[in-house]
Amino acid sequence: MTGYDFSLADQQLTALGSGALWWQARKLLCVADLHLGKSERQLRRGGTALPPYETRDTLERLAAVIDQIRPETVICLGDSFDDDAATAAMSDADQTRLDQLITAHRWIWITGNHDPAPTGLAGEAHDSLPLGPLLFRHIADPTFTSESATDVTAEISGHYHPKARLRGNARPAFLADHQRLILPAFGTYTGGLCTTHEALRDLMSPRALAILTGPRPLPCPMPR
């Protein structure tokens, strides 16, 4: 599987072309913002009807990455479901597929703003989780600095669904600097926030990289 290797807090990480993150030393795969059940949630709340296949597509793409990488641990960085009711609304087939993935690994749910309550599924649930020098959370903390932390010197988050525009084309992208990594959304029906938005400009240092996803991950200075 194609990927771009980089270092964060002295840890070697790989930004995969799929939008997932691989931490080889820990055999850990991390994805952000699956937003499972988005089409069902929009229909339930009277929104625009979407083709009802995004949950299956997202799960199959995630399964394909897992089959290729074979992680021991999987972390989902919040907003795994589009709302709390979306868990119960999953089809039996999708529920079975997700259960198969969860039970085969150490599976960690990080709570998000769309799914703040426990999911009721197997696996561990945490508001945030420190592992070695890295802290996994849903939304980046703008006050976080490596100088003010103790054992944790960098944070990994999602939430913003970053996209970078290069030569007129926008692609989901990882954003990385010396103390922070923001993952792109992995879900099928997820939009994105352009890196030129002030929320992302303010979070990331002037020397931040954007790592564009796709068949060949492409690093470039974060477009501002």
N, C-alpha and C. Protein backbone atom coordinates (compact mmCIF):
# COMPACT_ATOMS: atom_id res chain seq x y z
N MET A 1 0.85 -1.20 0.00
CA MET A 1 0.00 0.00 0.00
C MET A 1 0.87 1.24 0.00
N THR A 2 0.53 2.23 -0.81
CA THR A 2 1.34 3.42 -0.92
C THR A 2 1.18 4.28 0.33
N GLY A 3 2.26 4.99 0.67
CA GLY A 3 2.22 5.85 1.84
C GLY A 3 3.39 6.81 1.84
N TYR A 4 3.28 7.82 2.70
CA TYR A 4 4.35 8.80 2.87
C TYR A 4 4.83 8.70 4.31
N ASP A 5 6.12 8.41 4.49
CA ASP A 5 6.71 8.26 5.82
C ASP A 5 7.18 9.62 6.35
N PHE A 6 6.91 9.86 7.62
CA PHE A 6 7.36 11.09 8.26
C PHE A 6 7.52 10.83 9.75
N SER A 7 8.09 11.79 10.45
CA SER A 7 8.35 11.64 11.88
C SER A 7 7.54 12.67 12.67
N LEU A 8 6.98 12.22 13.79
CA LEU A 8 6.27 13.08 14.72
C LEU A 8 6.61 12.61 16.13
N ALA A 9 7.12 13.52 16.96
CA ALA A 9 7.55 13.17 18.33
C ALA A 9 8.52 12.00 18.30
N ASP A 10 9.41 11.99 17.33
CA ASP A 10 10.43 10.94 17.16
C ASP A 10 9.83 9.57 16.86
N GLN A 11 8.59 9.54 16.41
CA GLN A 11 7.95 8.29 16.00
C GLN A 11 7.80 8.29 14.49
N GLN A 12 8.11 7.15 13.88
CA GLN A 12 7.95 7.01 12.44
C GLN A 12 6.51 6.62 12.11
N LEU A 13 5.86 7.47 11.35
CA LEU A 13 4.46 7.26 10.97
C LEU A 13 4.36 7.23 9.44
N THR A 14 3.26 6.66 8.96
CA THR A 14 3.03 6.61 7.52
C THR A 14 1.62 7.10 7.21
N ALA A 15 1.53 8.14 6.40
CA ALA A 15 0.25 8.61 5.89
C ALA A 15 -0.10 7.79 4.66
N LEU A 16 -1.11 6.95 4.78
CA LEU A 16 -1.48 6.07 3.68
C LEU A 16 -2.34 6.81 2.66
N GLY A 17 -2.27 6.37 1.42
CA GLY A 17 -3.04 7.00 0.36
C GLY A 17 -4.53 6.93 0.58
N SER A 18 -4.97 5.96 1.38
CA SER A 18 -6.40 5.80 1.68
C SER A 18 -6.93 6.86 2.64
N GLY A 19 -6.03 7.56 3.34
CA GLY A 19 -6.43 8.51 4.37
C GLY A 19 -6.27 7.97 5.78
N ALA A 20 -5.82 6.71 5.92
CA ALA A 20 -5.55 6.13 7.22
C ALA A 20 -4.09 6.39 7.60
N LEU A 21 -3.82 6.31 8.90
CA LEU A 21 -2.48 6.51 9.44
C LEU A 21 -1.97 5.19 9.98
N TRP A 22 -0.70 4.86 9.70
CA TRP A 22 -0.07 3.62 10.15
C TRP A 22 1.12 3.94 11.04
N TRP A 23 1.11 3.35 12.26
CA TRP A 23 2.21 3.48 13.21
C TRP A 23 2.84 2.10 13.34
N GLN A 24 3.86 1.84 12.56
CA GLN A 24 4.44 0.51 12.43
C GLN A 24 4.93 -0.03 13.76
N ALA A 25 5.60 0.80 14.56
CA ALA A 25 6.19 0.33 15.82
C ALA A 25 5.15 -0.22 16.78
N ARG A 26 3.94 0.30 16.70
CA ARG A 26 2.85 -0.15 17.58
C ARG A 26 1.85 -1.05 16.86
N LYS A 27 2.09 -1.35 15.59
CA LYS A 27 1.13 -2.12 14.79
C LYS A 27 -0.27 -1.50 14.91
N LEU A 28 -0.33 -0.18 14.75
CA LEU A 28 -1.54 0.58 15.03
C LEU A 28 -2.00 1.31 13.78
N LEU A 29 -3.28 1.13 13.44
CA LEU A 29 -3.92 1.83 12.33
C LEU A 29 -4.91 2.83 12.91
N CYS A 30 -4.92 4.03 12.37
CA CYS A 30 -5.80 5.09 12.88
C CYS A 30 -6.58 5.71 11.72
N VAL A 31 -7.88 5.88 11.92
CA VAL A 31 -8.73 6.55 10.94
C VAL A 31 -9.58 7.58 11.65
N ALA A 32 -10.03 8.57 10.93
CA ALA A 32 -10.83 9.65 11.52
C ALA A 32 -12.13 9.83 10.74
N ASP A 33 -13.18 10.18 11.46
CA ASP A 33 -14.41 10.68 10.86
C ASP A 33 -14.99 9.73 9.81
N LEU A 34 -15.37 8.54 10.27
CA LEU A 34 -16.05 7.59 9.39
C LEU A 34 -17.46 8.07 9.04
N HIS A 35 -18.12 8.72 9.98
CA HIS A 35 -19.50 9.22 9.79
C HIS A 35 -20.42 8.14 9.24
N LEU A 36 -20.33 6.95 9.83
CA LEU A 36 -21.22 5.86 9.41
C LEU A 36 -22.68 6.26 9.66
N GLY A 37 -23.53 5.94 8.70
CA GLY A 37 -24.96 6.24 8.83
C GLY A 37 -25.36 7.64 8.44
N LYS A 38 -24.51 8.34 7.70
CA LYS A 38 -24.86 9.72 7.35
C LYS A 38 -26.10 9.80 6.48
N SER A 39 -26.23 8.93 5.51
CA SER A 39 -27.40 9.00 4.63
C SER A 39 -28.68 8.70 5.41
N GLU A 40 -28.64 7.72 6.33
CA GLU A 40 -29.81 7.40 7.15
C GLU A 40 -30.16 8.57 8.07
N ARG A 41 -29.15 9.18 8.65
CA ARG A 41 -29.39 10.30 9.57
C ARG A 41 -30.01 11.49 8.83
N GLN A 42 -29.51 11.79 7.63
CA GLN A 42 -30.07 12.92 6.89
C GLN A 42 -31.53 12.67 6.53
N LEU A 43 -31.85 11.45 6.12
CA LEU A 43 -33.23 11.12 5.77
C LEU A 43 -34.12 11.18 7.02
N ARG A 44 -33.63 10.66 8.13
CA ARG A 44 -34.39 10.66 9.37
C ARG A 44 -34.70 12.06 9.84
N ARG A 45 -33.78 12.99 9.59
CA ARG A 45 -33.97 14.37 10.06
C ARG A 45 -34.54 15.29 8.99
N GLY A 46 -35.00 14.71 7.89
CA GLY A 46 -35.64 15.51 6.86
C GLY A 46 -34.70 16.25 5.95
N GLY A 47 -33.45 15.81 5.88
CA GLY A 47 -32.48 16.47 5.02
C GLY A 47 -32.48 15.89 3.61
N THR A 48 -31.49 16.28 2.83
CA THR A 48 -31.36 15.81 1.46
C THR A 48 -31.11 14.31 1.44
N ALA A 49 -31.86 13.59 0.61
CA ALA A 49 -31.69 12.14 0.50
C ALA A 49 -30.40 11.83 -0.25
N LEU A 50 -29.62 10.91 0.30
CA LEU A 50 -28.38 10.46 -0.31
C LEU A 50 -28.49 8.97 -0.60
N PRO A 51 -27.78 8.48 -1.63
CA PRO A 51 -27.79 7.04 -1.86
C PRO A 51 -27.34 6.30 -0.60
N PRO A 52 -28.10 5.29 -0.17
CA PRO A 52 -27.87 4.68 1.15
C PRO A 52 -26.79 3.60 1.16
N TYR A 53 -25.64 3.91 0.58
CA TYR A 53 -24.60 2.89 0.47
C TYR A 53 -23.29 3.30 1.14
N GLU A 54 -23.29 4.45 1.80
CA GLU A 54 -22.01 4.97 2.28
C GLU A 54 -21.45 4.15 3.43
N THR A 55 -22.31 3.60 4.29
CA THR A 55 -21.81 2.81 5.40
C THR A 55 -21.09 1.57 4.89
N ARG A 56 -21.72 0.86 3.97
CA ARG A 56 -21.09 -0.34 3.41
C ARG A 56 -19.78 0.01 2.70
N ASP A 57 -19.78 1.08 1.93
CA ASP A 57 -18.57 1.47 1.20
C ASP A 57 -17.44 1.82 2.17
N THR A 58 -17.75 2.60 3.20
CA THR A 58 -16.73 2.98 4.17
C THR A 58 -16.17 1.76 4.88
N LEU A 59 -17.06 0.84 5.30
CA LEU A 59 -16.60 -0.36 5.99
C LEU A 59 -15.74 -1.25 5.10
N GLU A 60 -16.12 -1.37 3.83
CA GLU A 60 -15.33 -2.21 2.92
C GLU A 60 -13.97 -1.60 2.63
N ARG A 61 -13.91 -0.28 2.50
CA ARG A 61 -12.61 0.36 2.30
C ARG A 61 -11.73 0.21 3.54
N LEU A 62 -12.34 0.35 4.72
CA LEU A 62 -11.59 0.15 5.95
C LEU A 62 -11.11 -1.29 6.07
N ALA A 63 -11.97 -2.24 5.74
CA ALA A 63 -11.59 -3.65 5.79
C ALA A 63 -10.43 -3.94 4.84
N ALA A 64 -10.44 -3.30 3.68
CA ALA A 64 -9.37 -3.52 2.71
C ALA A 64 -8.02 -3.03 3.25
N VAL A 65 -8.03 -1.88 3.91
CA VAL A 65 -6.79 -1.38 4.52
C VAL A 65 -6.33 -2.32 5.63
N ILE A 66 -7.26 -2.75 6.47
CA ILE A 66 -6.92 -3.66 7.57
C ILE A 66 -6.35 -4.97 7.03
N ASP A 67 -6.95 -5.52 5.99
CA ASP A 67 -6.47 -6.77 5.40
C ASP A 67 -5.05 -6.63 4.86
N GLN A 68 -4.74 -5.46 4.32
CA GLN A 68 -3.43 -5.26 3.74
C GLN A 68 -2.38 -4.95 4.79
N ILE A 69 -2.73 -4.15 5.80
CA ILE A 69 -1.78 -3.72 6.82
C ILE A 69 -1.66 -4.73 7.96
N ARG A 70 -2.77 -5.37 8.33
CA ARG A 70 -2.85 -6.32 9.43
C ARG A 70 -2.40 -5.71 10.76
N PRO A 71 -3.12 -4.68 11.21
CA PRO A 71 -2.77 -4.05 12.49
C PRO A 71 -3.20 -4.91 13.67
N GLU A 72 -2.60 -4.65 14.83
CA GLU A 72 -3.07 -5.25 16.07
C GLU A 72 -4.10 -4.35 16.75
N THR A 73 -3.96 -3.04 16.55
CA THR A 73 -4.83 -2.05 17.18
C THR A 73 -5.41 -1.13 16.11
N VAL A 74 -6.69 -0.80 16.25
CA VAL A 74 -7.34 0.18 15.37
C VAL A 74 -7.93 1.27 16.25
N ILE A 75 -7.61 2.53 15.94
CA ILE A 75 -8.19 3.68 16.63
C ILE A 75 -9.07 4.44 15.65
N CYS A 76 -10.32 4.69 16.07
CA CYS A 76 -11.23 5.54 15.31
C CYS A 76 -11.34 6.86 16.06
N LEU A 77 -10.93 7.95 15.41
CA LEU A 77 -10.72 9.23 16.09
C LEU A 77 -11.98 10.09 16.23
N GLY A 78 -13.10 9.48 16.53
CA GLY A 78 -14.30 10.28 16.77
C GLY A 78 -15.11 10.54 15.52
N ASP A 79 -16.39 10.89 15.72
CA ASP A 79 -17.36 11.02 14.64
C ASP A 79 -17.35 9.75 13.78
N SER A 80 -17.25 8.63 14.46
CA SER A 80 -17.32 7.34 13.76
C SER A 80 -18.72 7.10 13.23
N PHE A 81 -19.72 7.63 13.94
CA PHE A 81 -21.12 7.57 13.51
C PHE A 81 -21.64 8.99 13.35
N ASP A 82 -22.59 9.17 12.45
CA ASP A 82 -23.05 10.52 12.16
C ASP A 82 -23.89 11.10 13.28
N ASP A 83 -24.49 10.25 14.10
CA ASP A 83 -25.06 10.66 15.38
C ASP A 83 -25.23 9.41 16.23
N ASP A 84 -25.68 9.57 17.47
CA ASP A 84 -25.76 8.43 18.37
C ASP A 84 -26.77 7.39 17.90
N ALA A 85 -27.85 7.84 17.24
CA ALA A 85 -28.88 6.90 16.79
C ALA A 85 -28.43 6.08 15.59
N ALA A 86 -27.38 6.50 14.91
CA ALA A 86 -26.94 5.80 13.70
C ALA A 86 -26.43 4.40 13.99
N THR A 87 -25.93 4.16 15.21
CA THR A 87 -25.46 2.82 15.55
C THR A 87 -26.60 1.82 15.47
N ALA A 88 -27.73 2.14 16.11
CA ALA A 88 -28.87 1.23 16.12
C ALA A 88 -29.53 1.11 14.75
N ALA A 89 -29.34 2.12 13.89
CA ALA A 89 -29.99 2.13 12.58
C ALA A 89 -29.22 1.35 11.52
N MET A 90 -28.03 0.82 11.85
CA MET A 90 -27.26 0.08 10.86
C MET A 90 -28.01 -1.18 10.43
N SER A 91 -27.84 -1.54 9.19
CA SER A 91 -28.43 -2.79 8.70
C SER A 91 -27.74 -3.97 9.38
N ASP A 92 -28.42 -5.12 9.38
CA ASP A 92 -27.83 -6.31 9.98
C ASP A 92 -26.51 -6.68 9.30
N ALA A 93 -26.47 -6.53 7.99
CA ALA A 93 -25.25 -6.89 7.25
C ALA A 93 -24.09 -5.96 7.64
N ASP A 94 -24.37 -4.66 7.72
CA ASP A 94 -23.31 -3.72 8.09
C ASP A 94 -22.88 -3.92 9.55
N GLN A 95 -23.84 -4.20 10.41
CA GLN A 95 -23.53 -4.46 11.81
C GLN A 95 -22.62 -5.69 11.93
N THR A 96 -22.94 -6.73 11.19
CA THR A 96 -22.12 -7.94 11.22
C THR A 96 -20.72 -7.67 10.71
N ARG A 97 -20.62 -6.89 9.64
CA ARG A 97 -19.29 -6.58 9.07
C ARG A 97 -18.46 -5.79 10.07
N LEU A 98 -19.08 -4.82 10.71
CA LEU A 98 -18.35 -4.02 11.69
C LEU A 98 -17.93 -4.87 12.88
N ASP A 99 -18.83 -5.74 13.36
CA ASP A 99 -18.49 -6.62 14.48
C ASP A 99 -17.30 -7.51 14.15
N GLN A 100 -17.23 -7.98 12.92
CA GLN A 100 -16.10 -8.83 12.51
C GLN A 100 -14.79 -8.06 12.60
N LEU A 101 -14.80 -6.80 12.20
CA LEU A 101 -13.59 -6.00 12.26
C LEU A 101 -13.19 -5.72 13.71
N ILE A 102 -14.19 -5.39 14.55
CA ILE A 102 -13.90 -5.03 15.93
C ILE A 102 -13.32 -6.20 16.71
N THR A 103 -13.94 -7.37 16.59
CA THR A 103 -13.54 -8.50 17.41
C THR A 103 -12.18 -9.07 17.02
N ALA A 104 -11.69 -8.74 15.86
CA ALA A 104 -10.40 -9.27 15.40
C ALA A 104 -9.22 -8.42 15.85
N HIS A 105 -9.48 -7.30 16.54
CA HIS A 105 -8.41 -6.36 16.88
C HIS A 105 -8.66 -5.74 18.25
N ARG A 106 -7.65 -5.09 18.79
CA ARG A 106 -7.91 -4.14 19.87
C ARG A 106 -8.51 -2.91 19.20
N TRP A 107 -9.75 -2.63 19.51
CA TRP A 107 -10.49 -1.57 18.81
C TRP A 107 -10.79 -0.44 19.79
N ILE A 108 -10.41 0.76 19.42
CA ILE A 108 -10.54 1.91 20.32
C ILE A 108 -11.39 2.98 19.65
N TRP A 109 -12.49 3.35 20.34
CA TRP A 109 -13.34 4.45 19.89
C TRP A 109 -12.96 5.71 20.67
N ILE A 110 -12.61 6.78 19.96
CA ILE A 110 -12.46 8.09 20.58
C ILE A 110 -13.78 8.83 20.36
N THR A 111 -14.34 9.40 21.42
CA THR A 111 -15.62 10.10 21.28
C THR A 111 -15.45 11.37 20.45
N GLY A 112 -16.49 11.70 19.69
CA GLY A 112 -16.45 12.90 18.85
C GLY A 112 -17.62 13.81 19.16
N ASN A 113 -17.73 14.90 18.42
CA ASN A 113 -18.84 15.83 18.65
C ASN A 113 -20.15 15.30 18.05
N HIS A 114 -20.07 14.40 17.05
CA HIS A 114 -21.28 13.79 16.49
C HIS A 114 -21.72 12.58 17.31
N ASP A 115 -20.79 11.92 17.97
CA ASP A 115 -21.12 10.71 18.72
C ASP A 115 -20.49 10.76 20.11
N PRO A 116 -20.96 11.70 20.97
CA PRO A 116 -20.34 11.86 22.28
C PRO A 116 -20.70 10.77 23.28
N ALA A 117 -21.80 10.06 23.07
CA ALA A 117 -22.20 9.02 24.01
C ALA A 117 -21.53 7.70 23.64
N PRO A 118 -21.44 6.76 24.59
CA PRO A 118 -20.89 5.43 24.26
C PRO A 118 -21.66 4.80 23.10
N THR A 119 -20.94 4.11 22.23
CA THR A 119 -21.56 3.55 21.03
C THR A 119 -22.38 2.31 21.34
N GLY A 120 -22.12 1.63 22.46
CA GLY A 120 -22.80 0.38 22.74
C GLY A 120 -22.21 -0.80 22.00
N LEU A 121 -21.12 -0.57 21.28
CA LEU A 121 -20.45 -1.64 20.54
C LEU A 121 -19.27 -2.16 21.35
N ALA A 122 -18.72 -3.29 20.92
CA ALA A 122 -17.52 -3.82 21.56
C ALA A 122 -16.35 -2.85 21.33
N GLY A 123 -15.30 -3.07 22.07
CA GLY A 123 -14.13 -2.19 21.97
C GLY A 123 -14.05 -1.25 23.15
N GLU A 124 -13.01 -0.46 23.19
CA GLU A 124 -12.79 0.51 24.26
C GLU A 124 -13.28 1.88 23.81
N ALA A 125 -13.75 2.69 24.74
CA ALA A 125 -14.17 4.05 24.45
C ALA A 125 -13.40 5.01 25.35
N HIS A 126 -12.83 6.05 24.74
CA HIS A 126 -12.06 7.05 25.48
C HIS A 126 -12.38 8.44 24.93
N ASP A 127 -12.34 9.44 25.80
CA ASP A 127 -12.43 10.83 25.33
C ASP A 127 -11.15 11.23 24.61
N SER A 128 -10.03 10.76 25.12
CA SER A 128 -8.73 10.93 24.47
C SER A 128 -7.84 9.81 24.99
N LEU A 129 -6.74 9.55 24.31
CA LEU A 129 -5.89 8.42 24.70
C LEU A 129 -4.43 8.73 24.43
N PRO A 130 -3.59 8.79 25.48
CA PRO A 130 -2.15 8.93 25.26
C PRO A 130 -1.51 7.57 25.04
N LEU A 131 -0.68 7.47 24.02
CA LEU A 131 0.13 6.28 23.77
C LEU A 131 1.55 6.73 23.52
N GLY A 132 2.44 6.45 24.46
CA GLY A 132 3.80 6.95 24.33
C GLY A 132 3.79 8.47 24.27
N PRO A 133 4.51 9.05 23.32
CA PRO A 133 4.56 10.50 23.23
C PRO A 133 3.40 11.13 22.45
N LEU A 134 2.46 10.30 21.99
CA LEU A 134 1.37 10.79 21.14
C LEU A 134 0.04 10.74 21.89
N LEU A 135 -0.76 11.79 21.71
CA LEU A 135 -2.09 11.87 22.30
C LEU A 135 -3.12 11.84 21.18
N PHE A 136 -4.04 10.87 21.25
CA PHE A 136 -5.09 10.73 20.25
C PHE A 136 -6.36 11.37 20.79
N ARG A 137 -6.95 12.30 20.03
CA ARG A 137 -8.19 12.97 20.42
C ARG A 137 -8.97 13.31 19.16
N HIS A 138 -10.23 13.72 19.34
CA HIS A 138 -11.03 14.04 18.15
C HIS A 138 -10.70 15.42 17.59
N ILE A 139 -10.70 16.43 18.45
CA ILE A 139 -10.48 17.81 18.01
C ILE A 139 -9.17 18.32 18.56
N ALA A 140 -8.34 18.89 17.71
CA ALA A 140 -7.07 19.45 18.15
C ALA A 140 -7.29 20.53 19.20
N ASP A 141 -6.41 20.54 20.19
CA ASP A 141 -6.46 21.54 21.26
C ASP A 141 -5.56 22.70 20.85
N PRO A 142 -6.12 23.88 20.59
CA PRO A 142 -5.28 25.00 20.14
C PRO A 142 -4.27 25.47 21.19
N THR A 143 -4.49 25.09 22.45
CA THR A 143 -3.54 25.49 23.50
C THR A 143 -2.43 24.47 23.70
N PHE A 144 -2.53 23.33 22.99
CA PHE A 144 -1.51 22.28 23.17
C PHE A 144 -0.17 22.74 22.60
N THR A 145 0.87 22.56 23.38
CA THR A 145 2.25 22.77 22.91
C THR A 145 3.12 21.67 23.46
N SER A 146 4.09 21.27 22.70
CA SER A 146 5.00 20.22 23.16
C SER A 146 5.80 20.68 24.37
N GLU A 147 6.01 21.99 24.49
CA GLU A 147 6.78 22.51 25.62
C GLU A 147 6.01 22.40 26.93
N SER A 148 4.66 22.52 26.86
CA SER A 148 3.85 22.50 28.07
C SER A 148 3.45 21.09 28.48
N ALA A 149 3.65 20.11 27.60
CA ALA A 149 3.26 18.75 27.90
C ALA A 149 4.34 18.06 28.73
N THR A 150 4.01 16.90 29.25
CA THR A 150 4.98 16.11 30.01
C THR A 150 5.51 15.00 29.12
N ASP A 151 4.97 13.79 29.29
CA ASP A 151 5.43 12.68 28.45
C ASP A 151 4.89 12.79 27.03
N VAL A 152 3.74 13.43 26.87
CA VAL A 152 3.13 13.58 25.55
C VAL A 152 3.68 14.83 24.88
N THR A 153 4.18 14.66 23.67
CA THR A 153 4.79 15.80 22.97
C THR A 153 4.14 16.13 21.63
N ALA A 154 3.11 15.37 21.24
CA ALA A 154 2.41 15.67 19.99
C ALA A 154 1.00 15.10 20.07
N GLU A 155 0.07 15.69 19.32
CA GLU A 155 -1.31 15.22 19.32
C GLU A 155 -1.73 14.83 17.90
N ILE A 156 -2.62 13.85 17.84
CA ILE A 156 -3.18 13.37 16.58
C ILE A 156 -4.69 13.48 16.68
N SER A 157 -5.31 14.11 15.69
CA SER A 157 -6.74 14.38 15.76
C SER A 157 -7.37 14.30 14.37
N GLY A 158 -8.69 14.52 14.33
CA GLY A 158 -9.44 14.55 13.08
C GLY A 158 -10.32 15.79 13.04
N HIS A 159 -11.63 15.58 12.88
CA HIS A 159 -12.68 16.60 13.02
C HIS A 159 -12.81 17.56 11.84
N TYR A 160 -11.71 18.11 11.36
CA TYR A 160 -11.79 19.20 10.38
C TYR A 160 -11.92 18.72 8.93
N HIS A 161 -11.70 17.43 8.66
CA HIS A 161 -11.79 16.90 7.29
C HIS A 161 -10.92 17.74 6.33
N PRO A 162 -9.65 17.97 6.63
CA PRO A 162 -8.87 18.89 5.80
C PRO A 162 -8.72 18.44 4.34
N LYS A 163 -8.78 19.44 3.47
CA LYS A 163 -8.51 19.24 2.05
C LYS A 163 -7.54 20.31 1.58
N ALA A 164 -6.66 19.92 0.68
CA ALA A 164 -5.68 20.86 0.13
C ALA A 164 -5.90 20.99 -1.37
N ARG A 165 -5.82 22.21 -1.85
CA ARG A 165 -6.01 22.47 -3.27
C ARG A 165 -4.64 22.67 -3.92
N LEU A 166 -4.40 21.89 -4.95
CA LEU A 166 -3.12 21.96 -5.67
C LEU A 166 -3.42 21.90 -7.16
N ARG A 167 -2.94 22.91 -7.89
CA ARG A 167 -3.18 23.00 -9.33
C ARG A 167 -4.67 22.92 -9.66
N GLY A 168 -5.47 23.56 -8.82
CA GLY A 168 -6.89 23.65 -9.08
C GLY A 168 -7.71 22.48 -8.58
N ASN A 169 -7.06 21.40 -8.13
CA ASN A 169 -7.79 20.22 -7.65
C ASN A 169 -7.66 20.09 -6.14
N ALA A 170 -8.77 19.81 -5.45
CA ALA A 170 -8.76 19.64 -4.00
C ALA A 170 -8.78 18.16 -3.67
N ARG A 171 -7.91 17.76 -2.76
CA ARG A 171 -7.85 16.37 -2.31
C ARG A 171 -7.80 16.33 -0.80
N PRO A 172 -8.45 15.32 -0.17
CA PRO A 172 -8.28 15.15 1.27
C PRO A 172 -6.80 15.06 1.62
N ALA A 173 -6.44 15.61 2.77
CA ALA A 173 -5.02 15.69 3.11
C ALA A 173 -4.80 15.57 4.61
N PHE A 174 -3.67 14.95 4.96
CA PHE A 174 -3.15 15.03 6.31
C PHE A 174 -2.46 16.39 6.47
N LEU A 175 -2.54 16.97 7.65
CA LEU A 175 -1.79 18.18 7.97
C LEU A 175 -0.84 17.86 9.11
N ALA A 176 0.44 18.17 8.93
CA ALA A 176 1.44 17.79 9.91
C ALA A 176 2.43 18.92 10.15
N ASP A 177 2.72 19.15 11.44
CA ASP A 177 3.83 20.03 11.79
C ASP A 177 4.62 19.36 12.91
N HIS A 178 5.39 20.11 13.67
CA HIS A 178 6.30 19.52 14.66
C HIS A 178 5.58 18.97 15.89
N GLN A 179 4.31 19.34 16.11
CA GLN A 179 3.62 18.88 17.32
C GLN A 179 2.18 18.46 17.09
N ARG A 180 1.74 18.44 15.86
CA ARG A 180 0.32 18.18 15.60
C ARG A 180 0.15 17.47 14.26
N LEU A 181 -0.80 16.51 14.23
CA LEU A 181 -1.19 15.86 13.00
C LEU A 181 -2.71 15.82 12.95
N ILE A 182 -3.29 16.28 11.85
CA ILE A 182 -4.74 16.23 11.65
C ILE A 182 -5.01 15.31 10.46
N LEU A 183 -5.85 14.29 10.69
CA LEU A 183 -6.14 13.32 9.65
C LEU A 183 -7.30 13.77 8.77
N PRO A 184 -7.30 13.36 7.51
CA PRO A 184 -8.47 13.60 6.66
C PRO A 184 -9.61 12.68 7.08
N ALA A 185 -10.82 13.02 6.69
CA ALA A 185 -11.97 12.16 6.95
C ALA A 185 -11.88 10.90 6.10
N PHE A 186 -12.20 9.75 6.71
CA PHE A 186 -12.16 8.48 5.98
C PHE A 186 -13.52 8.12 5.40
N GLY A 187 -14.59 8.67 5.94
CA GLY A 187 -15.93 8.30 5.50
C GLY A 187 -16.23 8.70 4.07
N THR A 188 -17.16 7.96 3.46
CA THR A 188 -17.48 8.16 2.05
C THR A 188 -18.20 9.47 1.78
N TYR A 189 -19.17 9.84 2.62
CA TYR A 189 -19.95 11.06 2.39
C TYR A 189 -19.49 12.20 3.30
N THR A 190 -18.21 12.45 3.33
CA THR A 190 -17.69 13.52 4.17
C THR A 190 -17.14 14.64 3.30
N GLY A 191 -17.53 15.86 3.60
CA GLY A 191 -16.98 17.00 2.88
C GLY A 191 -15.60 17.32 3.40
N GLY A 192 -15.19 18.56 3.26
CA GLY A 192 -13.86 18.92 3.73
C GLY A 192 -13.71 20.41 3.93
N LEU A 193 -12.74 20.76 4.75
CA LEU A 193 -12.41 22.15 5.02
C LEU A 193 -11.08 22.47 4.37
N CYS A 194 -11.07 23.48 3.53
CA CYS A 194 -9.86 23.84 2.80
C CYS A 194 -8.78 24.33 3.76
N THR A 195 -7.54 24.02 3.47
CA THR A 195 -6.43 24.43 4.34
C THR A 195 -6.28 25.95 4.41
N THR A 196 -6.92 26.67 3.52
CA THR A 196 -6.86 28.13 3.58
C THR A 196 -7.79 28.71 4.64
N HIS A 197 -8.66 27.87 5.22
CA HIS A 197 -9.59 28.34 6.26
C HIS A 197 -8.80 28.75 7.50
N GLU A 198 -9.23 29.82 8.16
CA GLU A 198 -8.48 30.35 9.29
C GLU A 198 -8.38 29.35 10.44
N ALA A 199 -9.37 28.48 10.60
CA ALA A 199 -9.30 27.50 11.69
C ALA A 199 -8.09 26.60 11.54
N LEU A 200 -7.79 26.19 10.31
CA LEU A 200 -6.64 25.34 10.07
C LEU A 200 -5.35 26.16 10.02
N ARG A 201 -5.41 27.34 9.46
CA ARG A 201 -4.22 28.20 9.44
C ARG A 201 -3.75 28.51 10.86
N ASP A 202 -4.71 28.74 11.76
CA ASP A 202 -4.35 29.09 13.13
C ASP A 202 -3.79 27.90 13.90
N LEU A 203 -4.26 26.70 13.58
CA LEU A 203 -3.79 25.51 14.30
C LEU A 203 -2.40 25.07 13.88
N MET A 204 -2.11 25.17 12.60
CA MET A 204 -0.88 24.60 12.07
C MET A 204 0.22 25.65 11.95
N SER A 205 1.44 25.24 12.20
CA SER A 205 2.57 26.16 12.15
C SER A 205 2.83 26.60 10.71
N PRO A 206 3.55 27.70 10.52
CA PRO A 206 3.82 28.19 9.16
C PRO A 206 4.56 27.19 8.28
N ARG A 207 5.26 26.24 8.89
CA ARG A 207 6.04 25.27 8.10
C ARG A 207 5.32 23.93 7.98
N ALA A 208 4.03 23.90 8.23
CA ALA A 208 3.27 22.65 8.19
C ALA A 208 3.24 22.06 6.78
N LEU A 209 3.15 20.73 6.74
CA LEU A 209 3.00 20.01 5.48
C LEU A 209 1.55 19.60 5.29
N ALA A 210 1.12 19.59 4.04
CA ALA A 210 -0.11 18.90 3.65
C ALA A 210 0.32 17.66 2.87
N ILE A 211 -0.20 16.51 3.27
CA ILE A 211 0.11 15.26 2.58
C ILE A 211 -1.18 14.82 1.89
N LEU A 212 -1.23 15.02 0.59
CA LEU A 212 -2.45 14.74 -0.17
C LEU A 212 -2.64 13.24 -0.33
N THR A 213 -3.87 12.77 -0.13
CA THR A 213 -4.16 11.35 -0.27
C THR A 213 -4.34 10.99 -1.75
N GLY A 214 -4.43 9.69 -2.01
CA GLY A 214 -4.63 9.22 -3.37
C GLY A 214 -3.68 8.09 -3.68
N PRO A 215 -3.67 7.62 -4.92
CA PRO A 215 -2.81 6.49 -5.29
C PRO A 215 -1.34 6.74 -4.97
N ARG A 216 -0.93 8.00 -5.02
CA ARG A 216 0.45 8.35 -4.68
C ARG A 216 0.40 9.55 -3.73
N PRO A 217 0.49 9.33 -2.41
CA PRO A 217 0.44 10.45 -1.46
C PRO A 217 1.50 11.49 -1.79
N LEU A 218 1.09 12.75 -1.75
CA LEU A 218 1.98 13.83 -2.20
C LEU A 218 2.14 14.86 -1.09
N PRO A 219 3.37 15.03 -0.56
CA PRO A 219 3.59 16.07 0.44
C PRO A 219 3.91 17.40 -0.22
N CYS A 220 3.42 18.47 0.37
CA CYS A 220 3.72 19.81 -0.14
C CYS A 220 3.54 20.79 1.02
N PRO A 221 4.12 21.98 0.93
CA PRO A 221 3.84 22.99 1.96
C PRO A 221 2.33 23.21 2.05
N MET A 222 1.80 23.29 3.25
CA MET A 222 0.36 23.46 3.43
C MET A 222 -0.13 24.71 2.73
N PRO A 223 -1.02 24.57 1.73
CA PRO A 223 -1.53 25.78 1.06
C PRO A 223 -2.28 26.68 2.03
N ARG A 224 -1.94 27.97 2.01
CA ARG A 224 -2.54 28.92 2.92
C ARG A 224 -3.19 30.06 2.15
